[in-house]
Structure formats: C-alpha cells, structure tokens
Amino acid sequence: MSKAIEIEPKRRRVFAIISHPDAGKTTLTENMLLAAGAIHQAGKVAARGEARRTQSDWMKIEQERGISVSSSVMTFEHKDLIFNLLDTPGHEDFSEDTYRTLTAADCAVMVLDVAKGIEPQTLKLFEVCRLRDIPIITFVNKLDREGRDTFEIIAEIQDKLALDVVPMQWPAASGRRFKGVADLRTGAFLHFVKPEDGGEHVMTQVDGNSIQAMFNNDDLFDEFMEEQELAKEYPDFNEQSFREGHMTPVYFGSALRKFGVLELINALAELCPEPQAEAAKKAGQSVMIKPTSKEVAGFVFKVQANMDLNHRDRVAFLRMCSGEFKRGMKLKTAEGKTVSVHNPILFFAQDRELAENAYAGDVIGIPNHGALRVGDSLSESGKIIFAGIPNFAPEILRRAQLKDPLKAKHLRKALESLAEEGVTQLFKPNFGSDMIVGAVGSLQIDVMRERIKTEYGLEVTFEAPPYQTARWIAADDEALIKAFVDKNMMTTGTDVDGAPVFLAKSSWDVGYAQEKNPELRFLTTKERA
C-alpha cells in the first residue's frame, strides 16, 4: 500500500454550503476562495443582471435571476489541507439536488441572515441534512447590517432545528454599531474595520482595556462584556455530538466585507471530519469501505451536461471513497459497464484541470456519453455497491409540448438527458405519446425550459396533464405489478429507468389504489443503487 493512501485522505475536507436565497451563500463561497488564495479578485455580486459574474454561478438563468440552481464543485488548499466545496442550490425547488450533493459531503455550513434568522427554505434544507445526520456549522452572516439580537437567533436555532447550539464567537452589536467578534475559547478579538476606514480586519489577543479602546462607547462595551459572560452559560462544544448532527457551533461575520471568512475556513479545518468509512455491499455482503482501502471506489452523486456548450459534454461527478486513483484507470459499474477514465477533471466552477491522482474525499469529473448515471457505483472490481441515492416523488407534473411537432425525437432525447442529470424526472404513460415531466417546484420547470432552449434549440411549453401525482409501484412478486399495470393502462407508465409508475389524479386515488391492492406498495421514493 502506498504511503499516499494513508496520508492524503486525512488532508481532505469535503463540505457543502446551504442557505435560503439571498442569505449570502454565493458571496461567502467566493470570499472563502479569495481568503484561501484560490482566486485573486472576487466577482461583482449584484442582485440581478449581467454584472453578476461569480465563480460558482455559470448557468445563464443563474446569472439573470441572481440564484444558484446547480451544484458546483470547487477545490482549494489552506493550511496544507485540501478543501472540496460543494456549492448547492439555495432555492427549495432544488432540495432534491441538494440532497444528492449532501451524500458526497462530510459536513455542511448553514448560512443565516442576521436580520432574518431561520427562513422557511433554510428549514427545508436543514431537514435534508438531518436525513443524513450531516454535521452542521452555522455561520450568521451580514453582521455589518442591522440584525436581530444574538440570543434570539440562537434560541431560534435551538427551537426550530432542535439542535444544541454552541457559540464559538460572540459579536459586538451589528449594523452601524458593529465592532467585531470575540473568540469565546481564546479571548482573542477580531476587530471590524469599516470599508470607508480602509485597512484589514485584524485578529488580536487583547485584554479588556484594549478592547474598550476599540469601542469608543462605554455603554456598548459594557453591554458586550455582559453578553459575553452570559454566553459562557451555553454548553461546551462536544465533538461527538457535533459529528452525530445533534450540536452546531456558531460563527459570525460578513461575507460581503470578507469579515470572519478566514476564521470560518479555520473552523472547517478543525471541525469538519476527514473522509470516513462508507457503507456498501460487496459480493452481496455488507461492508464498510475505508478511505485507506486499496481498491479504488466511489459513487456518482451528480451528472451535468453541457457545461461547455462548444463540446456538448456530459460530466459525472464522482465522490472518491477509497484507494489511489490514477489517470487512465479503468473502472466498472455494478452493472458491469467498463469506463476508461482518460481525462478526469478537478473542478473550479467552470474552470477545470486534469487530475493525475485522486484519493478518498476528492471529487473528480468523468466525461462520458451517457454511460454514467446519478447513483452509479464505480470500482476497480465492479463488485462494490454504495447505498443508492433516492429519487423523490414529484410535487408538480407537467406535459411537455413542442411548438414544432416534427422535433419530437429531439425533445425526448433532451428530456431523457436532463432527467438522467436529475434536473427533473420524466414519466412515459403507457397510453398515448405524452412526455410527463415531474418536479419539486416550478423553478425546476423554468430551468428545464431555459436549458432545452439554450442547449438543444427547442421551443417547448409545459401544461397541466390529467395527473397530479406520481408513485412508484413495488411488490415482492413482479406478477402482481404486471397485473395491476394491465388493469390500469390509462393511469400507469414508466420512469426514465423503465420502473413502473402509478400516475394518479389525486392523492385520494393513491389511497384508494393502496386500499384495493394491499399487496402492492405505492412509494414516494425510489432508490437506484
């Protein structure tokens, strides 16, 4: 076994960033890269329009609307560690894409707006984290703007998320009165320097008198010192509780002002777990695949097509779980397909470079022509199968209609390709030639329409079909499924994998079908291992 297999995984930190739209996630991502020296100039961050050119948002609809709707992967180094940052969609309509991305993350940073606290979409994304027991570090952003009381925000995190909260820092006010944050463990104070005053934010180990001189306001200083004492009543940080997803450490700052960003990276270096053993099956037996295992193995958590419109490319994002990958290796899927990886990619948003080697914790891109799907396991032997990544039943169904009916085959190919990426789901009713698109939210439909127009040159509209919900049909005996489908040809179909689906007019119809067919299961999730 090479020494690198033992050493390199310990240097990896894989984390995702989740937040409500406009909480500052993309700005934080950008300035983390800046603080770590991965980029030299931050992009302009404006709410809308052509001025918005960030490192992680490259899709046209993202630039126009000022939102992140795809997951990007960015790699940077800091303190001799290699960080793989998975930038997830902030909008709740893309929570399924966030879930898939979180399967590849070992930790998540939850960004909150100091003025708004926990918003509905933050809550939904947090529940996605909870499904996987992902350790969460909280970053309260926009301290340079007027915000809510710190104790109130902490109480809200405790109440709404049912988490133990440990403030690792304590802020001195917010908005115009904001002076900085104190490190509650070391006593060091990070002084906030207003942009108009010039200079850099400096972390200094200071005593009470020195901090008081920074305040120029005795009442504010007294208030800060009193709050700091009260903050010591919160529980001590417990690493095991954090790693099990029960406790969140809280940090404060302003991503836009680059304040507290480096401290957050240092916290990730200290707290984010290194790659851990992954549950899998090998030759039918349950096993734990250790990062130091000799065999190269990993799983595909995302597929992105047409990142480069000039080349009509299709890239599978592979989370490495074990072994020492070398460029040119041949890997196999659990279905026996062999994939020769000649041009593996390391990502920096749209920028790429060839990966000569990769280890557990790395995310590499594998260019392919439809051979790899979300949820595929790859290994040297083809015998390792990691836990599948599920599809969730859609909340919105729409029928795709072309303006030019002669291009129906092109539309089907586009819809199938985007469904395989996980942008939306695709269902084919057993009766008729309709193509039914399933989505969690309406924004997914907008993104699909935009991408079909931009990437495939097709004008498509989406209208309401005669169905409102979809459920996958399962049973211990395949004959029972076939019998049900044969009796209900008008309300059944298949998904993009050919799995049987019940297309119901309402949730009542699902309940009625279940009552009449107790031997069948009508599922809201489908796992593709």
Protein backbone atom coordinates (compact mmCIF):
# COMPACT_ATOMS: atom_id res chain seq x y z
CA MET A 1 0.00 0.00 0.00
CA SER A 2 1.44 3.40 -0.96
CA LYS A 3 2.10 5.93 1.76
CA ALA A 4 -0.12 8.45 -0.05
CA ILE A 5 -3.26 6.32 0.57
CA GLU A 6 -2.62 6.64 4.30
CA ILE A 7 -1.75 10.35 4.28
CA GLU A 8 -3.84 12.04 1.58
CA PRO A 9 -7.41 11.24 2.79
CA LYS A 10 -6.57 12.81 6.16
CA ARG A 11 -5.85 16.08 4.33
CA ARG A 12 -9.30 16.23 2.68
CA ARG A 13 -12.26 18.23 3.96
CA VAL A 14 -15.48 17.90 1.95
CA PHE A 15 -18.24 20.35 2.83
CA ALA A 16 -21.39 21.83 1.34
CA ILE A 17 -22.95 25.25 1.88
CA ILE A 18 -26.71 25.52 2.37
CA SER A 19 -28.87 28.60 2.85
CA HIS A 20 -32.04 30.45 1.99
CA PRO A 21 -31.72 32.50 -1.23
CA ASP A 22 -30.11 35.91 -0.59
CA ALA A 23 -28.55 34.87 2.73
CA GLY A 24 -25.15 35.40 1.11
CA LYS A 25 -24.12 31.87 0.19
CA THR A 26 -22.57 32.68 -3.18
CA THR A 27 -20.74 35.70 -1.73
CA LEU A 28 -19.42 33.53 1.09
CA THR A 29 -18.29 30.88 -1.40
CA GLU A 30 -16.45 33.49 -3.44
CA ASN A 31 -14.74 35.09 -0.47
CA MET A 32 -13.72 31.74 1.01
CA LEU A 33 -11.88 31.09 -2.24
CA LEU A 34 -10.41 34.58 -2.03
CA ALA A 35 -9.34 34.20 1.62
CA ALA A 36 -7.69 30.87 0.84
CA GLY A 37 -5.83 32.38 -2.11
CA ALA A 38 -7.65 30.28 -4.71
CA ILE A 39 -8.76 33.40 -6.61
CA HIS A 40 -7.31 36.90 -6.63
CA GLN A 41 -10.39 39.01 -7.24
CA ALA A 42 -13.97 38.44 -6.18
CA GLY A 43 -16.66 38.76 -8.85
CA LYS A 44 -19.17 41.56 -8.65
CA VAL A 45 -22.14 40.42 -6.61
CA ALA A 46 -25.29 42.23 -7.64
CA ALA A 47 -28.86 41.04 -7.23
CA ARG A 48 -29.61 40.82 -10.92
CA GLY A 49 -28.28 41.45 -14.37
CA GLU A 50 -25.13 40.99 -16.38
CA ALA A 51 -22.96 42.47 -13.61
CA ARG A 52 -23.43 39.29 -11.61
CA ARG A 53 -20.47 37.11 -12.60
CA THR A 54 -19.48 34.90 -9.73
CA GLN A 55 -17.08 32.00 -9.71
CA SER A 56 -19.68 29.36 -8.92
CA ASP A 57 -22.77 30.53 -10.85
CA TRP A 58 -22.17 29.93 -14.56
CA MET A 59 -25.56 28.92 -15.97
CA LYS A 60 -27.36 31.72 -17.83
CA ILE A 61 -30.54 31.53 -15.73
CA GLU A 62 -28.41 31.79 -12.55
CA GLN A 63 -26.74 34.96 -13.77
CA GLU A 64 -30.08 36.51 -14.78
CA ARG A 65 -32.01 35.70 -11.61
CA GLY A 66 -29.22 36.00 -9.05
CA ILE A 67 -29.76 32.49 -7.68
CA SER A 68 -27.80 29.26 -7.64
CA VAL A 69 -29.75 26.43 -9.26
CA SER A 70 -26.97 23.94 -10.00
CA SER A 71 -24.38 22.39 -7.72
CA SER A 72 -20.79 23.39 -8.37
CA VAL A 73 -17.63 21.81 -7.00
CA MET A 74 -14.61 23.91 -6.13
CA THR A 75 -11.27 22.74 -4.80
CA PHE A 76 -8.84 24.91 -2.85
CA GLU A 77 -5.94 24.45 -0.41
CA HIS A 78 -5.43 26.02 3.00
CA LYS A 79 -3.10 25.10 5.87
CA ASP A 80 -1.82 22.05 3.97
CA LEU A 81 -5.40 20.75 3.71
CA ILE A 82 -7.40 20.25 0.52
CA PHE A 83 -10.97 21.53 0.71
CA ASN A 84 -13.66 20.37 -1.69
CA LEU A 85 -16.50 22.88 -1.51
CA LEU A 86 -19.85 21.68 -2.84
CA ASP A 87 -21.96 24.74 -3.61
CA THR A 88 -25.62 23.68 -3.52
CA PRO A 89 -28.76 25.35 -4.89
CA GLY A 90 -30.29 27.75 -2.39
CA HIS A 91 -33.84 27.51 -3.71
CA GLU A 92 -36.18 24.96 -2.13
CA ASP A 93 -37.31 23.80 -5.58
CA PHE A 94 -33.89 22.17 -5.87
CA SER A 95 -33.84 20.41 -2.49
CA GLU A 96 -33.50 17.05 -4.27
CA ASP A 97 -30.30 18.24 -5.96
CA THR A 98 -29.13 19.46 -2.55
CA TYR A 99 -29.85 16.04 -1.06
CA ARG A 100 -27.78 14.33 -3.74
CA THR A 101 -24.92 16.75 -3.18
CA LEU A 102 -25.03 16.19 0.58
CA THR A 103 -24.48 12.46 0.03
CA ALA A 104 -20.97 13.49 -1.05
CA ALA A 105 -20.34 15.95 1.82
CA ASP A 106 -18.86 15.21 5.23
CA CYS A 107 -20.07 18.49 6.74
CA ALA A 108 -22.35 21.44 5.91
CA VAL A 109 -22.13 25.17 6.55
CA MET A 110 -25.59 26.65 7.17
CA VAL A 111 -25.65 30.37 6.34
CA LEU A 112 -28.21 32.57 8.13
CA ASP A 113 -29.04 36.23 7.56
CA VAL A 114 -28.63 38.02 10.92
CA ALA A 115 -31.78 40.06 10.25
CA LYS A 116 -33.97 37.12 9.22
CA GLY A 117 -32.69 34.08 11.12
CA ILE A 118 -34.14 30.76 10.04
CA GLU A 119 -36.30 31.14 6.95
CA PRO A 120 -38.68 28.51 5.53
CA GLN A 121 -36.29 27.30 2.85
CA THR A 122 -33.42 27.15 5.35
CA LEU A 123 -35.61 24.87 7.43
CA LYS A 124 -36.36 22.62 4.45
CA LEU A 125 -32.69 22.34 3.50
CA PHE A 126 -31.79 21.62 7.12
CA GLU A 127 -34.25 18.71 7.09
CA VAL A 128 -32.37 17.39 4.07
CA CYS A 129 -29.20 17.48 6.19
CA ARG A 130 -30.97 15.76 9.05
CA LEU A 131 -31.93 12.85 6.78
CA ARG A 132 -28.22 12.09 6.52
CA ASP A 133 -27.09 13.23 10.02
CA ILE A 134 -24.69 15.71 8.42
CA PRO A 135 -22.64 17.73 10.96
CA ILE A 136 -23.59 21.41 10.62
CA ILE A 137 -21.54 24.54 11.29
CA THR A 138 -23.68 27.69 11.44
CA PHE A 139 -22.45 31.00 10.01
CA VAL A 140 -24.55 34.06 10.89
CA ASN A 141 -23.95 36.47 8.04
CA LYS A 142 -24.38 40.21 7.34
CA LEU A 143 -23.32 41.46 10.77
CA ASP A 144 -22.43 44.78 9.12
CA ARG A 145 -26.18 45.33 8.70
CA GLU A 146 -28.77 45.86 11.40
CA GLY A 147 -29.84 42.48 12.75
CA ARG A 148 -31.69 40.61 15.45
CA ASP A 149 -30.48 40.05 18.98
CA THR A 150 -27.85 37.29 19.12
CA PHE A 151 -29.56 35.45 21.98
CA GLU A 152 -32.79 35.50 19.98
CA ILE A 153 -31.14 33.95 16.90
CA ILE A 154 -29.51 31.22 19.00
CA ALA A 155 -32.83 30.45 20.69
CA GLU A 156 -34.49 30.19 17.27
CA ILE A 157 -31.87 27.69 16.08
CA GLN A 158 -32.44 25.65 19.23
CA ASP A 159 -36.24 25.73 18.94
CA LYS A 160 -36.81 25.35 15.21
CA LEU A 161 -33.98 22.93 14.45
CA ALA A 162 -33.92 21.06 17.78
CA LEU A 163 -30.13 21.44 17.94
CA ASP A 164 -27.79 22.13 20.82
CA VAL A 165 -26.11 25.44 19.98
CA VAL A 166 -22.58 26.44 20.96
CA PRO A 167 -21.49 29.97 20.05
CA MET A 168 -17.75 29.77 19.30
CA GLN A 169 -17.64 33.56 18.86
CA TRP A 170 -19.67 36.46 20.19
CA PRO A 171 -20.46 39.59 18.17
CA ALA A 172 -20.29 43.13 19.47
CA ALA A 173 -23.63 44.50 18.19
CA SER A 174 -24.50 44.69 14.47
CA GLY A 175 -25.04 47.24 11.72
CA ARG A 176 -23.52 50.67 12.30
CA ARG A 177 -22.56 49.78 15.87
CA PHE A 178 -20.81 46.53 14.85
CA LYS A 179 -17.28 46.41 16.29
CA GLY A 180 -16.21 42.82 15.73
CA VAL A 181 -16.37 39.37 17.31
CA ALA A 182 -14.64 37.75 20.25
CA ASP A 183 -13.38 34.16 20.17
CA LEU A 184 -15.01 32.66 23.27
CA ARG A 185 -12.36 29.96 23.60
CA THR A 186 -9.21 32.07 23.32
CA GLY A 187 -10.43 35.55 24.23
CA ALA A 188 -8.99 36.97 21.00
CA PHE A 189 -10.97 39.80 19.41
CA LEU A 190 -11.42 40.25 15.66
CA HIS A 191 -11.88 43.97 15.10
CA PHE A 192 -14.23 45.03 12.29
CA VAL A 193 -12.79 47.81 10.14
CA LYS A 194 -15.40 49.72 8.13
CA PRO A 195 -14.69 49.81 4.38
CA GLU A 196 -14.54 53.61 4.37
CA ASP A 197 -11.82 53.49 7.05
CA GLY A 198 -9.61 51.26 4.88
CA GLY A 199 -7.22 48.67 6.29
CA GLU A 200 -7.71 45.00 7.14
CA HIS A 201 -9.70 43.19 9.81
CA VAL A 202 -7.18 42.09 12.43
CA MET A 203 -7.47 39.32 14.99
CA THR A 204 -5.57 40.30 18.13
CA GLN A 205 -5.14 38.78 21.55
CA VAL A 206 -6.19 41.68 23.72
CA ASP A 207 -7.26 42.35 27.27
CA GLY A 208 -10.45 44.10 28.31
CA ASN A 209 -8.88 47.57 28.35
CA SER A 210 -7.56 47.20 24.79
CA ILE A 211 -10.96 46.06 23.53
CA GLN A 212 -12.62 49.00 25.28
CA ALA A 213 -10.37 51.40 23.36
CA MET A 214 -11.70 49.93 20.08
CA PHE A 215 -15.31 50.63 21.05
CA ASN A 216 -15.28 54.39 21.76
CA ASN A 217 -18.57 53.78 23.54
CA ASP A 218 -18.65 52.71 27.18
CA ASP A 219 -22.31 51.60 27.10
CA LEU A 220 -21.73 49.36 24.08
CA PHE A 221 -18.59 47.93 25.66
CA ASP A 222 -20.39 47.16 28.93
CA GLU A 223 -23.24 45.54 27.01
CA PHE A 224 -20.78 43.41 25.03
CA MET A 225 -18.84 42.27 28.11
CA GLU A 226 -22.07 41.37 29.90
CA GLU A 227 -23.35 39.36 26.92
CA GLN A 228 -20.01 37.60 26.62
CA GLU A 229 -20.26 36.43 30.23
CA LEU A 230 -23.82 35.19 29.66
CA ALA A 231 -22.67 33.33 26.52
CA LYS A 232 -20.40 31.17 28.68
CA GLU A 233 -23.56 29.55 30.07
CA TYR A 234 -24.11 27.70 26.78
CA PRO A 235 -22.86 24.08 26.76
CA ASP A 236 -19.26 23.26 25.89
CA PHE A 237 -18.54 22.05 22.40
CA ASN A 238 -18.79 18.25 22.15
CA GLU A 239 -17.14 16.78 19.05
CA GLN A 240 -19.11 13.52 19.13
CA SER A 241 -22.45 15.34 19.46
CA PHE A 242 -21.46 17.63 16.55
CA ARG A 243 -20.45 14.71 14.32
CA GLU A 244 -23.72 12.94 15.03
CA GLY A 245 -25.64 16.03 13.88
CA HIS A 246 -27.01 17.00 17.32
CA MET A 247 -24.91 20.11 18.01
CA THR A 248 -23.96 23.10 15.89
CA PRO A 249 -21.11 25.53 16.59
CA VAL A 250 -21.95 29.10 15.57
CA TYR A 251 -19.66 31.67 13.94
CA PHE A 252 -20.41 35.26 12.95
CA GLY A 253 -19.28 37.59 10.18
CA SER A 254 -19.97 39.47 6.98
CA ALA A 255 -19.17 37.59 3.78
CA LEU A 256 -19.53 40.74 1.67
CA ARG A 257 -17.00 42.58 3.85
CA LYS A 258 -14.77 39.47 3.97
CA PHE A 259 -15.09 39.60 7.76
CA GLY A 260 -14.91 36.30 9.66
CA VAL A 261 -14.47 34.25 6.47
CA LEU A 262 -10.92 33.10 7.18
CA GLU A 263 -11.99 32.17 10.72
CA LEU A 264 -14.78 30.03 9.23
CA ILE A 265 -12.28 28.22 7.00
CA ASN A 266 -10.08 27.60 10.05
CA ALA A 267 -13.12 26.21 11.86
CA LEU A 268 -13.77 23.83 8.96
CA ALA A 269 -10.13 22.75 9.05
CA GLU A 270 -10.52 21.92 12.74
CA LEU A 271 -14.07 20.58 12.93
CA CYS A 272 -15.07 19.11 9.55
CA PRO A 273 -14.46 15.34 9.69
CA GLU A 274 -11.92 13.85 7.32
CA PRO A 275 -13.36 11.21 4.94
CA GLN A 276 -14.92 8.33 6.88
CA ALA A 277 -15.66 4.69 6.04
CA GLU A 278 -18.70 4.34 3.72
CA ALA A 279 -21.37 1.63 3.99
CA ALA A 280 -21.56 -0.57 0.90
CA LYS A 281 -22.20 -4.08 -0.33
CA LYS A 282 -19.52 -6.27 -1.87
CA ALA A 283 -20.42 -9.62 -3.37
CA GLY A 284 -23.75 -9.39 -1.54
CA GLN A 285 -22.16 -8.79 1.86
CA SER A 286 -22.48 -5.58 3.88
CA VAL A 287 -19.06 -3.96 4.28
CA MET A 288 -17.51 -0.64 5.34
CA ILE A 289 -15.20 0.78 2.70
CA LYS A 290 -12.36 2.61 4.45
CA PRO A 291 -10.64 5.59 2.80
CA THR A 292 -7.37 3.65 3.06
CA SER A 293 -8.76 0.54 1.33
CA LYS A 294 -6.56 -0.42 -1.62
CA GLU A 295 -9.33 -0.76 -4.23
CA VAL A 296 -10.36 2.47 -5.95
CA ALA A 297 -14.09 3.02 -5.40
CA GLY A 298 -16.59 5.87 -5.39
CA PHE A 299 -20.12 6.88 -6.36
CA VAL A 300 -21.70 9.34 -8.80
CA PHE A 301 -23.76 11.98 -6.97
CA LYS A 302 -24.35 14.38 -9.86
CA VAL A 303 -24.32 14.43 -13.66
CA GLN A 304 -24.04 17.73 -15.51
CA ALA A 305 -24.42 18.04 -19.27
CA ASN A 306 -23.39 20.92 -21.50
CA MET A 307 -21.17 22.76 -19.02
CA ASP A 308 -19.23 23.65 -22.17
CA LEU A 309 -21.71 24.30 -24.99
CA ASN A 310 -18.90 24.12 -27.56
CA HIS A 311 -18.31 20.46 -26.81
CA ARG A 312 -21.77 19.14 -25.79
CA ASP A 313 -20.05 17.44 -22.88
CA ARG A 314 -21.53 15.30 -20.13
CA VAL A 315 -19.64 15.01 -16.86
CA ALA A 316 -20.33 12.66 -13.94
CA PHE A 317 -19.23 13.94 -10.52
CA LEU A 318 -17.58 11.05 -8.65
CA ARG A 319 -17.02 11.22 -4.90
CA MET A 320 -13.93 9.13 -4.20
CA CYS A 321 -14.35 6.80 -1.22
CA SER A 322 -11.18 4.69 -1.26
CA GLY A 323 -7.92 3.86 -2.99
CA GLU A 324 -5.45 5.85 -5.06
CA PHE A 325 -6.97 6.80 -8.39
CA LYS A 326 -4.59 7.33 -11.29
CA ARG A 327 -5.43 8.93 -14.59
CA GLY A 328 -6.12 6.34 -17.30
CA MET A 329 -7.57 3.77 -14.91
CA LYS A 330 -10.46 1.52 -15.94
CA LEU A 331 -13.36 1.41 -13.51
CA LYS A 332 -16.50 -0.72 -13.61
CA THR A 333 -20.09 -0.06 -12.63
CA ALA A 334 -22.07 -2.58 -10.60
CA GLU A 335 -23.87 -3.46 -13.85
CA GLY A 336 -20.55 -4.45 -15.42
CA LYS A 337 -20.02 -1.43 -17.70
CA THR A 338 -16.32 -0.53 -18.04
CA VAL A 339 -15.41 3.16 -18.03
CA SER A 340 -11.90 4.20 -19.08
CA VAL A 341 -11.07 7.42 -17.24
CA HIS A 342 -8.53 9.13 -19.51
CA ASN A 343 -9.43 12.75 -18.78
CA PRO A 344 -10.56 13.03 -15.15
CA ILE A 345 -11.33 16.61 -14.15
CA LEU A 346 -10.76 18.61 -10.99
CA PHE A 347 -13.29 21.45 -10.78
CA PHE A 348 -13.06 25.12 -10.14
CA ALA A 349 -16.62 26.08 -11.09
CA GLN A 350 -16.35 26.30 -14.91
CA ASP A 351 -12.58 26.10 -14.86
CA ARG A 352 -11.06 22.63 -14.98
CA GLU A 353 -7.73 20.91 -14.82
CA LEU A 354 -6.76 17.30 -15.40
CA ALA A 355 -6.47 15.15 -12.29
CA GLU A 356 -3.45 12.86 -12.36
CA ASN A 357 -4.25 11.37 -8.94
CA ALA A 358 -7.20 11.41 -6.57
CA TYR A 359 -7.90 10.00 -3.11
CA ALA A 360 -10.84 9.47 -0.76
CA GLY A 361 -12.58 12.82 -0.28
CA ASP A 362 -11.75 14.12 -3.73
CA VAL A 363 -14.46 14.88 -6.29
CA ILE A 364 -13.44 14.19 -9.87
CA GLY A 365 -15.38 14.72 -13.07
CA ILE A 366 -15.59 11.85 -15.53
CA PRO A 367 -16.54 12.90 -19.08
CA ASN A 368 -18.83 10.29 -20.64
CA HIS A 369 -21.56 9.91 -23.24
CA GLY A 370 -24.47 8.81 -21.09
CA ALA A 371 -22.72 5.76 -19.62
CA LEU A 372 -22.93 7.04 -16.04
CA ARG A 373 -26.00 8.00 -14.02
CA VAL A 374 -26.62 9.56 -10.63
CA GLY A 375 -26.32 6.78 -8.03
CA ASP A 376 -23.86 4.62 -10.01
CA SER A 377 -21.08 2.98 -8.01
CA LEU A 378 -17.67 2.72 -9.65
CA SER A 379 -14.81 0.47 -8.54
CA GLU A 380 -11.92 -1.49 -10.00
CA SER A 381 -13.71 -4.81 -9.48
CA GLY A 382 -17.25 -3.60 -10.19
CA LYS A 383 -18.36 -5.54 -7.11
CA ILE A 384 -18.75 -2.61 -4.70
CA ILE A 385 -22.21 -1.03 -4.47
CA PHE A 386 -22.66 2.04 -2.27
CA ALA A 387 -26.04 2.93 -0.77
CA GLY A 388 -28.26 4.30 -3.54
CA ILE A 389 -29.26 7.93 -3.95
CA PRO A 390 -33.06 8.15 -3.94
CA ASN A 391 -35.46 9.96 -6.25
CA PHE A 392 -38.35 11.68 -4.50
CA ALA A 393 -41.90 11.72 -5.80
CA PRO A 394 -42.53 14.99 -7.68
CA GLU A 395 -44.93 17.62 -6.35
CA ILE A 396 -45.62 19.08 -9.80
CA LEU A 397 -46.41 17.21 -13.04
CA ARG A 398 -46.39 18.91 -16.45
CA ARG A 399 -46.91 17.70 -20.00
CA ALA A 400 -44.20 18.81 -22.45
CA GLN A 401 -45.50 20.29 -25.70
CA LEU A 402 -43.33 21.24 -28.69
CA LYS A 403 -44.06 24.19 -30.97
CA ASP A 404 -42.57 22.11 -33.80
CA PRO A 405 -44.02 18.56 -33.54
CA LEU A 406 -41.51 17.28 -36.12
CA LYS A 407 -38.80 17.55 -33.46
CA ALA A 408 -40.44 15.12 -31.01
CA LYS A 409 -37.43 12.75 -31.06
CA HIS A 410 -35.09 15.62 -30.22
CA LEU A 411 -37.31 16.67 -27.33
CA ARG A 412 -37.42 13.13 -25.94
CA LYS A 413 -33.62 12.96 -26.05
CA ALA A 414 -33.34 16.34 -24.28
CA LEU A 415 -35.87 15.37 -21.58
CA GLU A 416 -34.20 12.00 -21.01
CA SER A 417 -30.78 13.61 -20.76
CA LEU A 418 -31.97 16.22 -18.23
CA ALA A 419 -33.86 13.55 -16.25
CA GLU A 420 -30.71 11.43 -16.05
CA GLU A 421 -28.91 14.51 -14.71
CA GLY A 422 -31.60 14.84 -12.05
CA VAL A 423 -32.81 18.29 -13.19
CA THR A 424 -36.37 16.90 -13.31
CA GLN A 425 -37.98 13.49 -13.64
CA LEU A 426 -39.54 12.03 -16.77
CA PHE A 427 -42.53 9.70 -17.00
CA LYS A 428 -43.92 7.98 -20.09
CA PRO A 429 -47.61 6.99 -19.74
CA ASN A 430 -48.44 3.52 -21.07
CA PHE A 431 -51.27 5.02 -23.12
CA GLY A 432 -50.53 7.79 -25.62
CA SER A 433 -47.34 9.60 -26.61
CA ASP A 434 -47.22 12.25 -23.87
CA MET A 435 -43.99 13.04 -22.05
CA ILE A 436 -44.73 13.96 -18.44
CA VAL A 437 -42.14 15.97 -16.51
CA GLY A 438 -42.05 15.77 -12.71
CA ALA A 439 -40.54 18.46 -10.47
CA VAL A 440 -40.39 19.50 -6.82
CA GLY A 441 -41.09 23.15 -7.66
CA SER A 442 -41.99 25.43 -10.55
CA LEU A 443 -38.48 26.89 -10.81
CA GLN A 444 -37.23 23.47 -11.94
CA ILE A 445 -39.65 23.67 -14.87
CA ASP A 446 -38.33 27.16 -15.72
CA VAL A 447 -34.76 25.90 -15.65
CA MET A 448 -35.66 22.93 -17.85
CA ARG A 449 -37.40 25.21 -20.39
CA GLU A 450 -34.39 27.54 -20.45
CA ARG A 451 -31.88 24.72 -20.84
CA ILE A 452 -33.87 22.99 -23.60
CA LYS A 453 -33.98 26.28 -25.48
CA THR A 454 -30.31 27.19 -24.89
CA GLU A 455 -28.69 23.78 -25.18
CA TYR A 456 -30.95 21.96 -27.63
CA GLY A 457 -32.51 24.82 -29.62
CA LEU A 458 -36.08 23.68 -28.92
CA GLU A 459 -39.07 25.84 -28.02
CA VAL A 460 -41.18 23.91 -25.52
CA THR A 461 -44.18 24.73 -23.34
CA PHE A 462 -45.43 22.88 -20.28
CA GLU A 463 -49.12 22.41 -19.50
CA ALA A 464 -51.09 20.64 -16.80
CA PRO A 465 -51.63 16.90 -17.55
CA PRO A 466 -54.61 14.82 -16.36
CA TYR A 467 -52.48 13.63 -13.41
CA GLN A 468 -51.50 15.37 -10.19
CA THR A 469 -49.15 12.92 -8.53
CA ALA A 470 -46.83 10.01 -9.26
CA ARG A 471 -45.90 6.98 -7.15
CA TRP A 472 -43.52 4.13 -7.90
CA ILE A 473 -45.15 0.70 -7.77
CA ALA A 474 -43.38 -2.07 -5.87
CA ALA A 475 -44.25 -5.59 -4.69
CA ASP A 476 -42.50 -8.77 -3.65
CA ASP A 477 -43.95 -10.52 -6.69
CA GLU A 478 -43.37 -8.91 -10.12
CA ALA A 479 -46.51 -10.65 -11.45
CA LEU A 480 -48.66 -8.56 -9.09
CA ILE A 481 -47.23 -5.34 -10.53
CA LYS A 482 -47.84 -6.54 -14.09
CA ALA A 483 -51.43 -7.46 -13.26
CA PHE A 484 -52.09 -4.00 -11.77
CA VAL A 485 -50.50 -2.24 -14.77
CA ASP A 486 -52.51 -4.33 -17.25
CA LYS A 487 -55.75 -3.34 -15.48
CA ASN A 488 -54.80 0.36 -15.26
CA MET A 489 -53.11 1.21 -18.56
CA MET A 490 -54.62 4.72 -18.59
CA THR A 491 -53.08 5.65 -15.21
CA THR A 492 -49.73 3.85 -15.26
CA GLY A 493 -46.44 4.37 -17.03
CA THR A 494 -42.68 4.12 -16.59
CA ASP A 495 -39.91 6.47 -15.46
CA VAL A 496 -36.63 7.11 -17.27
CA ASP A 497 -35.24 3.80 -15.90
CA GLY A 498 -38.29 1.81 -17.03
CA ALA A 499 -39.58 1.40 -13.46
CA PRO A 500 -43.41 1.15 -13.18
CA VAL A 501 -45.22 4.28 -12.00
CA PHE A 502 -48.81 4.99 -10.93
CA LEU A 503 -49.95 8.33 -12.35
CA ALA A 504 -52.86 9.37 -10.16
CA LYS A 505 -55.37 12.21 -10.49
CA SER A 506 -55.14 12.93 -6.77
CA SER A 507 -53.67 11.68 -3.51
CA TRP A 508 -57.11 10.20 -2.79
CA ASP A 509 -56.69 7.93 -5.82
CA VAL A 510 -53.37 6.73 -4.42
CA GLY A 511 -55.02 5.86 -1.11
CA TYR A 512 -57.87 4.10 -2.88
CA ALA A 513 -55.47 2.07 -5.05
CA GLN A 514 -53.50 1.09 -1.96
CA GLU A 515 -56.67 0.00 -0.16
CA LYS A 516 -57.77 -2.14 -3.12
CA ASN A 517 -54.26 -3.59 -3.66
CA PRO A 518 -52.75 -4.20 -0.20
CA GLU A 519 -50.08 -6.46 -1.68
CA LEU A 520 -48.63 -3.52 -3.63
CA ARG A 521 -46.56 -0.60 -2.32
CA PHE A 522 -47.00 2.90 -3.78
CA LEU A 523 -43.70 4.59 -2.96
CA THR A 524 -42.76 8.26 -2.59
CA THR A 525 -39.06 7.44 -3.04
CA LYS A 526 -37.18 5.19 -5.41
CA GLU A 527 -33.61 4.21 -4.70
CA ARG A 528 -31.33 3.48 -7.60
CA ALA A 529 -28.28 1.66 -6.26
